[in-house]
């Protein structure tokens, strides 16, 4: 029996060492278009409801087909109001916002449980619109109490 207790104790110690704040990070990837059709501008291209309260730490976007001639600009709204003071952009010729010349800035990082999150496409490439837009919300479940 003593061996089992020692094993359990070692397991708990290992778990304590392994669980870190970075392990609690979660991502929601939201498809805001189909995979191949050229993007079009508009509000609420897609909406989701948050499954629980969530603290947003980063946002990003990507496309399957890069825009040309102009950037793709994306906004994220909670209950109809933007949560970004600088919107997400994907530079012309690029497929991700990670390398964009202007990084997005989150102005409201607290997303409420059951809040409606809407994705707007404010601008598309001028020569080629781009296609296959995904928006990623990165953060962690907000603890209650």
C-alpha atoms as a PDB file:
ATOM      1  CA  UNK A   1       0.000   0.000   0.000  1.00  0.00           C
ATOM      2  CA  UNK A   2       2.792   2.422   0.839  1.00  0.00           C
ATOM      3  CA  UNK A   3       4.049   2.181  -2.768  1.00  0.00           C
ATOM      4  CA  UNK A   4       0.689   3.283  -4.103  1.00  0.00           C
ATOM      5  CA  UNK A   5       0.614   6.319  -1.833  1.00  0.00           C
ATOM      6  CA  UNK A   6       4.141   7.234  -2.862  1.00  0.00           C
ATOM      7  CA  UNK A   7       3.181   6.874  -6.526  1.00  0.00           C
ATOM      8  CA  UNK A   8       0.093   9.083  -6.018  1.00  0.00           C
ATOM      9  CA  UNK A   9       2.189  11.663  -4.194  1.00  0.00           C
ATOM     10  CA  UNK A  10       4.740  11.700  -7.024  1.00  0.00           C
ATOM     11  CA  UNK A  11       1.938  12.034  -9.568  1.00  0.00           C
ATOM     12  CA  UNK A  12       0.456  15.010  -7.749  1.00  0.00           C
ATOM     13  CA  UNK A  13       3.870  16.674  -7.467  1.00  0.00           C
ATOM     14  CA  UNK A  14       4.433  16.149 -11.185  1.00  0.00           C
ATOM     15  CA  UNK A  15       1.003  17.564 -12.031  1.00  0.00           C
ATOM     16  CA  UNK A  16       1.701  20.652  -9.890  1.00  0.00           C
ATOM     17  CA  UNK A  17       4.927  21.242 -11.775  1.00  0.00           C
ATOM     18  CA  UNK A  18       3.374  20.696 -15.196  1.00  0.00           C
ATOM     19  CA  UNK A  19       0.253  22.862 -14.859  1.00  0.00           C
ATOM     20  CA  UNK A  20       1.185  26.445 -15.653  1.00  0.00           C
ATOM     21  CA  UNK A  21      -0.795  29.496 -16.668  1.00  0.00           C
ATOM     22  CA  UNK A  22       0.144  28.921 -20.311  1.00  0.00           C
ATOM     23  CA  UNK A  23      -1.559  25.510 -20.104  1.00  0.00           C
ATOM     24  CA  UNK A  24      -4.889  27.250 -19.500  1.00  0.00           C
ATOM     25  CA  UNK A  25      -4.816  29.150 -22.813  1.00  0.00           C
ATOM     26  CA  UNK A  26      -7.663  28.284 -25.156  1.00  0.00           C
ATOM     27  CA  UNK A  27      -8.465  29.289 -28.711  1.00  0.00           C
ATOM     28  CA  UNK A  28     -11.700  29.625 -30.644  1.00  0.00           C
ATOM     29  CA  UNK A  29     -11.237  29.503 -34.409  1.00  0.00           C
ATOM     30  CA  UNK A  30     -14.193  30.997 -36.248  1.00  0.00           C
ATOM     31  CA  UNK A  31     -14.662  30.438 -39.981  1.00  0.00           C
ATOM     32  CA  UNK A  32     -15.931  33.757 -41.349  1.00  0.00           C
ATOM     33  CA  UNK A  33     -16.279  32.557 -44.953  1.00  0.00           C
ATOM     34  CA  UNK A  34     -16.116  29.395 -46.974  1.00  0.00           C
ATOM     35  CA  UNK A  35     -12.739  28.121 -48.134  1.00  0.00           C
ATOM     36  CA  UNK A  36     -12.627  29.371 -51.729  1.00  0.00           C
ATOM     37  CA  UNK A  37     -15.204  32.086 -52.491  1.00  0.00           C
ATOM     38  CA  UNK A  38     -13.852  35.632 -52.723  1.00  0.00           C
ATOM     39  CA  UNK A  39     -14.451  37.629 -49.521  1.00  0.00           C
ATOM     40  CA  UNK A  40     -17.047  40.385 -49.467  1.00  0.00           C
ATOM     41  CA  UNK A  41     -17.410  43.186 -46.952  1.00  0.00           C
ATOM     42  CA  UNK A  42     -20.247  43.267 -44.440  1.00  0.00           C
ATOM     43  CA  UNK A  43     -21.281  43.159 -40.813  1.00  0.00           C
ATOM     44  CA  UNK A  44     -21.936  39.965 -38.878  1.00  0.00           C
ATOM     45  CA  UNK A  45     -20.552  37.680 -41.573  1.00  0.00           C
ATOM     46  CA  UNK A  46     -20.743  35.056 -38.834  1.00  0.00           C
ATOM     47  CA  UNK A  47     -21.892  35.086 -35.210  1.00  0.00           C
ATOM     48  CA  UNK A  48     -21.207  32.753 -32.303  1.00  0.00           C
ATOM     49  CA  UNK A  49     -22.275  32.738 -28.665  1.00  0.00           C
ATOM     50  CA  UNK A  50     -19.576  32.506 -26.033  1.00  0.00           C
ATOM     51  CA  UNK A  51     -19.962  29.214 -24.121  1.00  0.00           C
ATOM     52  CA  UNK A  52     -18.648  30.848 -20.918  1.00  0.00           C
ATOM     53  CA  UNK A  53     -17.056  34.082 -19.715  1.00  0.00           C
ATOM     54  CA  UNK A  54     -13.683  34.483 -21.436  1.00  0.00           C
ATOM     55  CA  UNK A  55     -10.713  36.813 -21.020  1.00  0.00           C
ATOM     56  CA  UNK A  56      -9.238  37.657 -24.393  1.00  0.00           C
ATOM     57  CA  UNK A  57      -5.442  37.989 -24.574  1.00  0.00           C
ATOM     58  CA  UNK A  58      -4.869  37.996 -28.354  1.00  0.00           C
ATOM     59  CA  UNK A  59      -6.681  37.863 -31.683  1.00  0.00           C
ATOM     60  CA  UNK A  60      -5.538  36.954 -35.160  1.00  0.00           C
ATOM     61  CA  UNK A  61      -6.889  36.188 -38.592  1.00  0.00           C
ATOM     62  CA  UNK A  62      -5.797  34.145 -41.583  1.00  0.00           C
ATOM     63  CA  UNK A  63      -6.898  33.458 -45.139  1.00  0.00           C
ATOM     64  CA  UNK A  64      -6.343  30.579 -47.530  1.00  0.00           C
ATOM     65  CA  UNK A  65      -5.917  32.954 -50.479  1.00  0.00           C
ATOM     66  CA  UNK A  66      -3.954  36.151 -49.855  1.00  0.00           C
ATOM     67  CA  UNK A  67      -5.546  39.498 -50.722  1.00  0.00           C
ATOM     68  CA  UNK A  68      -3.796  41.665 -53.307  1.00  0.00           C
ATOM     69  CA  UNK A  69      -3.951  45.404 -53.879  1.00  0.00           C
ATOM     70  CA  UNK A  70      -5.153  46.192 -50.337  1.00  0.00           C
ATOM     71  CA  UNK A  71      -5.350  44.704 -46.860  1.00  0.00           C
ATOM     72  CA  UNK A  72      -8.167  42.624 -45.457  1.00  0.00           C
ATOM     73  CA  UNK A  73      -9.558  44.369 -42.356  1.00  0.00           C
ATOM     74  CA  UNK A  74     -11.609  42.472 -39.780  1.00  0.00           C
ATOM     75  CA  UNK A  75     -13.520  43.692 -36.728  1.00  0.00           C
ATOM     76  CA  UNK A  76     -14.817  41.661 -33.785  1.00  0.00           C
ATOM     77  CA  UNK A  77     -17.948  42.790 -31.954  1.00  0.00           C
ATOM     78  CA  UNK A  78     -19.508  41.757 -28.663  1.00  0.00           C
ATOM     79  CA  UNK A  79     -23.257  42.440 -28.642  1.00  0.00           C
ATOM     80  CA  UNK A  80     -22.800  44.832 -31.583  1.00  0.00           C
ATOM     81  CA  UNK A  81     -19.918  46.894 -30.140  1.00  0.00           C
ATOM     82  CA  UNK A  82     -16.324  46.557 -31.268  1.00  0.00           C
ATOM     83  CA  UNK A  83     -13.819  45.026 -28.865  1.00  0.00           C
ATOM     84  CA  UNK A  84     -10.836  46.304 -30.884  1.00  0.00           C
ATOM     85  CA  UNK A  85      -9.366  49.813 -30.901  1.00  0.00           C
ATOM     86  CA  UNK A  86      -7.095  48.747 -33.781  1.00  0.00           C
ATOM     87  CA  UNK A  87      -8.750  46.221 -36.070  1.00  0.00           C
ATOM     88  CA  UNK A  88      -7.153  43.035 -37.363  1.00  0.00           C
ATOM     89  CA  UNK A  89      -5.464  43.418 -40.749  1.00  0.00           C
ATOM     90  CA  UNK A  90      -3.933  40.979 -43.179  1.00  0.00           C
ATOM     91  CA  UNK A  91      -1.498  42.819 -45.446  1.00  0.00           C
ATOM     92  CA  UNK A  92      -1.734  42.482 -49.225  1.00  0.00           C
ATOM     93  CA  UNK A  93       0.148  39.389 -50.370  1.00  0.00           C
ATOM     94  CA  UNK A  94       0.064  37.826 -46.869  1.00  0.00           C
ATOM     95  CA  UNK A  95      -2.077  35.010 -45.436  1.00  0.00           C
ATOM     96  CA  UNK A  96      -1.937  35.897 -41.740  1.00  0.00           C
ATOM     97  CA  UNK A  97      -2.360  38.913 -39.478  1.00  0.00           C
ATOM     98  CA  UNK A  98       0.600  37.753 -37.373  1.00  0.00           C
ATOM     99  CA  UNK A  99       2.983  39.499 -39.783  1.00  0.00           C
ATOM    100  CA  UNK A 100       0.755  42.570 -40.383  1.00  0.00           C
ATOM    101  CA  UNK A 101       2.319  46.015 -40.349  1.00  0.00           C
ATOM    102  CA  UNK A 102      -0.240  47.097 -37.710  1.00  0.00           C
ATOM    103  CA  UNK A 103      -0.980  44.738 -34.811  1.00  0.00           C
ATOM    104  CA  UNK A 104      -4.573  44.540 -33.528  1.00  0.00           C
ATOM    105  CA  UNK A 105      -5.292  46.180 -30.168  1.00  0.00           C
ATOM    106  CA  UNK A 106      -7.932  44.738 -27.833  1.00  0.00           C
ATOM    107  CA  UNK A 107      -9.938  47.453 -26.050  1.00  0.00           C
ATOM    108  CA  UNK A 108     -12.434  45.119 -24.318  1.00  0.00           C
ATOM    109  CA  UNK A 109     -10.880  41.832 -23.212  1.00  0.00           C
ATOM    110  CA  UNK A 110     -13.801  40.569 -21.094  1.00  0.00           C
ATOM    111  CA  UNK A 111     -16.258  38.539 -23.151  1.00  0.00           C
ATOM    112  CA  UNK A 112     -19.404  37.681 -21.219  1.00  0.00           C
ATOM    113  CA  UNK A 113     -20.957  34.229 -20.919  1.00  0.00           C
ATOM    114  CA  UNK A 114     -23.504  33.766 -23.736  1.00  0.00           C
ATOM    115  CA  UNK A 115     -22.450  37.038 -25.430  1.00  0.00           C
ATOM    116  CA  UNK A 116     -23.009  37.241 -29.177  1.00  0.00           C
ATOM    117  CA  UNK A 117     -19.678  37.637 -30.935  1.00  0.00           C
ATOM    118  CA  UNK A 118     -19.918  38.945 -34.500  1.00  0.00           C
ATOM    119  CA  UNK A 119     -17.232  39.101 -37.160  1.00  0.00           C
ATOM    120  CA  UNK A 120     -17.290  42.005 -39.635  1.00  0.00           C
ATOM    121  CA  UNK A 121     -15.220  42.195 -42.802  1.00  0.00           C
ATOM    122  CA  UNK A 122     -14.574  45.917 -43.266  1.00  0.00           C
ATOM    123  CA  UNK A 123     -12.147  45.789 -46.199  1.00  0.00           C
ATOM    124  CA  UNK A 124     -10.998  43.247 -48.760  1.00  0.00           C
ATOM    125  CA  UNK A 125      -8.130  43.200 -51.224  1.00  0.00           C
ATOM    126  CA  UNK A 126      -8.741  45.522 -54.188  1.00  0.00           C
ATOM    127  CA  UNK A 127      -7.234  43.357 -56.967  1.00  0.00           C
ATOM    128  CA  UNK A 128      -7.960  39.999 -55.318  1.00  0.00           C
ATOM    129  CA  UNK A 129     -10.296  39.947 -52.316  1.00  0.00           C
ATOM    130  CA  UNK A 130      -8.773  36.937 -50.603  1.00  0.00           C
ATOM    131  CA  UNK A 131     -10.697  33.837 -49.481  1.00  0.00           C
ATOM    132  CA  UNK A 132     -11.023  31.374 -46.625  1.00  0.00           C
ATOM    133  CA  UNK A 133     -11.082  33.798 -43.672  1.00  0.00           C
ATOM    134  CA  UNK A 134     -10.677  32.431 -40.144  1.00  0.00           C
ATOM    135  CA  UNK A 135     -10.586  34.544 -36.974  1.00  0.00           C
ATOM    136  CA  UNK A 136      -8.941  33.215 -33.821  1.00  0.00           C
ATOM    137  CA  UNK A 137      -9.814  34.356 -30.288  1.00  0.00           C
ATOM    138  CA  UNK A 138      -7.053  33.474 -27.805  1.00  0.00           C
ATOM    139  CA  UNK A 139      -7.383  33.684 -24.019  1.00  0.00           C
ATOM    140  CA  UNK A 140      -8.703  31.786 -21.043  1.00  0.00           C
ATOM    141  CA  UNK A 141     -11.941  30.915 -19.298  1.00  0.00           C
ATOM    142  CA  UNK A 142     -12.709  33.587 -16.740  1.00  0.00           C
ATOM    143  CA  UNK A 143     -12.979  32.102 -13.277  1.00  0.00           C
ATOM    144  CA  UNK A 144     -16.100  32.881 -11.311  1.00  0.00           C
ATOM    145  CA  UNK A 145     -15.924  33.674  -7.620  1.00  0.00           C
END
